[in-house]
Protein backbone atom coordinates (compact mmCIF):
# COMPACT_ATOMS: atom_id res chain seq x y z
CA UNK A 1 95.73 105.12 80.66
CA UNK A 2 92.19 105.63 81.94
CA UNK A 3 91.01 109.14 81.12
CA UNK A 4 87.37 109.30 82.24
CA UNK A 5 85.07 107.97 84.93
CA UNK A 6 83.12 106.12 82.22
CA UNK A 7 86.23 104.22 81.14
CA UNK A 8 87.06 103.39 84.75
CA UNK A 9 83.51 102.18 85.38
CA UNK A 10 83.55 100.02 82.24
CA UNK A 11 86.91 98.52 83.17
CA UNK A 12 85.76 97.87 86.75
CA UNK A 13 82.53 96.20 85.59
CA UNK A 14 84.52 93.96 83.25
CA UNK A 15 86.97 92.99 86.00
CA UNK A 16 84.17 92.25 88.48
CA UNK A 17 82.35 90.06 85.95
CA UNK A 18 85.52 87.99 85.51
CA UNK A 19 85.95 87.61 89.27
CA UNK A 20 82.31 86.59 89.70
CA UNK A 21 82.57 83.93 86.99
CA UNK A 22 86.03 82.64 87.78
CA UNK A 23 85.65 81.36 91.32
CA UNK A 24 88.72 80.71 93.43
CA UNK A 25 91.94 80.67 91.36
CA UNK A 26 93.46 77.98 93.61
CA UNK A 27 90.48 75.66 93.09
CA UNK A 28 90.37 76.36 89.34
CA UNK A 29 94.04 75.66 88.71
CA UNK A 30 94.08 72.48 90.77
CA UNK A 31 91.07 70.83 89.15
CA UNK A 32 92.51 70.45 85.64
CA UNK A 33 89.30 71.52 83.89
CA UNK A 34 88.91 73.16 80.50
CA UNK A 35 90.91 76.30 79.72
CA UNK A 36 89.16 79.19 77.98
CA UNK A 37 91.36 81.26 75.64
CA UNK A 38 89.51 84.55 75.22
CA UNK A 39 90.43 87.67 73.26
CA UNK A 40 88.30 90.81 73.72
CA UNK A 41 88.69 94.17 72.03
CA UNK A 42 87.80 97.44 73.72
CA UNK A 43 86.17 99.69 71.12
CA UNK A 44 84.55 103.09 70.84
CA UNK A 45 81.09 103.12 69.27
CA UNK A 46 80.19 105.91 66.80
CA UNK A 47 78.29 107.58 69.66
CA UNK A 48 81.53 107.75 71.67
CA UNK A 49 80.36 105.11 74.15
CA UNK A 50 82.89 102.44 75.18
CA UNK A 51 82.10 98.80 74.36
CA UNK A 52 83.71 95.35 74.21
CA UNK A 53 83.80 92.96 71.27
CA UNK A 54 84.49 89.21 71.36
CA UNK A 55 87.37 88.57 68.97
CA UNK A 56 87.97 84.92 69.83
CA UNK A 57 86.81 82.34 72.41
CA UNK A 58 88.34 78.89 72.23
CA UNK A 59 88.02 76.14 74.82
CA UNK A 60 90.94 73.76 75.28
CA UNK A 61 90.19 70.49 77.08
CA UNK A 62 92.73 68.73 79.31
CA UNK A 63 93.34 66.15 76.54
CA UNK A 64 94.44 68.93 74.16
CA UNK A 65 91.32 69.17 71.98
CA UNK A 66 90.32 72.73 71.15
CA UNK A 67 86.93 74.00 70.02
CA UNK A 68 86.04 77.47 68.81
CA UNK A 69 82.88 78.93 70.38
CA UNK A 70 83.31 82.50 69.09
CA UNK A 71 80.10 82.10 67.06
CA UNK A 72 78.06 82.15 70.30
CA UNK A 73 78.62 85.90 70.63
CA UNK A 74 77.20 88.95 68.89
CA UNK A 75 79.20 90.33 65.98
CA UNK A 76 80.80 93.67 66.78
CA UNK A 77 81.10 95.63 70.02
CA UNK A 78 78.24 95.49 72.54
CA UNK A 79 77.17 97.29 75.69
CA UNK A 80 77.36 95.62 78.08
CA UNK A 81 80.24 93.52 76.73
CA UNK A 82 79.93 89.79 76.13
CA UNK A 83 79.03 87.58 79.09
CA UNK A 84 81.69 84.95 79.73
CA UNK A 85 80.07 81.70 80.86
CA UNK A 86 82.28 79.10 82.52
CA UNK A 87 81.93 76.19 84.93
CA UNK A 88 83.55 76.01 88.33
CA UNK A 89 87.02 74.49 88.00
CA UNK A 90 87.68 75.92 84.54
CA UNK A 91 90.33 78.59 83.96
CA UNK A 92 90.44 81.56 81.61
CA UNK A 93 93.25 83.34 79.85
CA UNK A 94 91.86 86.71 78.76
CA UNK A 95 93.64 89.04 76.35
CA UNK A 96 92.26 92.57 76.03
CA UNK A 97 93.13 94.43 72.84
CA UNK A 98 93.07 98.21 72.84
CA UNK A 99 90.79 99.63 70.17
CA UNK A 100 89.55 102.84 71.78
CA UNK A 101 89.62 106.02 69.74
CA UNK A 102 89.74 109.31 71.58
CA UNK A 103 88.69 112.12 69.21
CA UNK A 104 89.82 114.89 71.59
CA UNK A 105 93.21 113.35 72.46
CA UNK A 106 96.21 113.80 70.19
């Protein structure tokens, strides 16, 4: 559950960045391009600020080959979160893991 305006803004910015990079879902699915398998973790920095961390980014080609490109990203959570770079016609399956800690919530 979203508890603050900061969390809502961070979630909205993340969603908009995916929409901007993804293009039209109908075009992407029909083209048969690479599929990006991405796992992000939402984390709280020691300062209390919300951030995202790249856990895993693998690219699966139409012929079944898979390559791991996780090493392209910074280690640990960052603000803003990692930039997802894709080509038109590619698809993404994004998993978001919850890692936020709320010190004032029990």
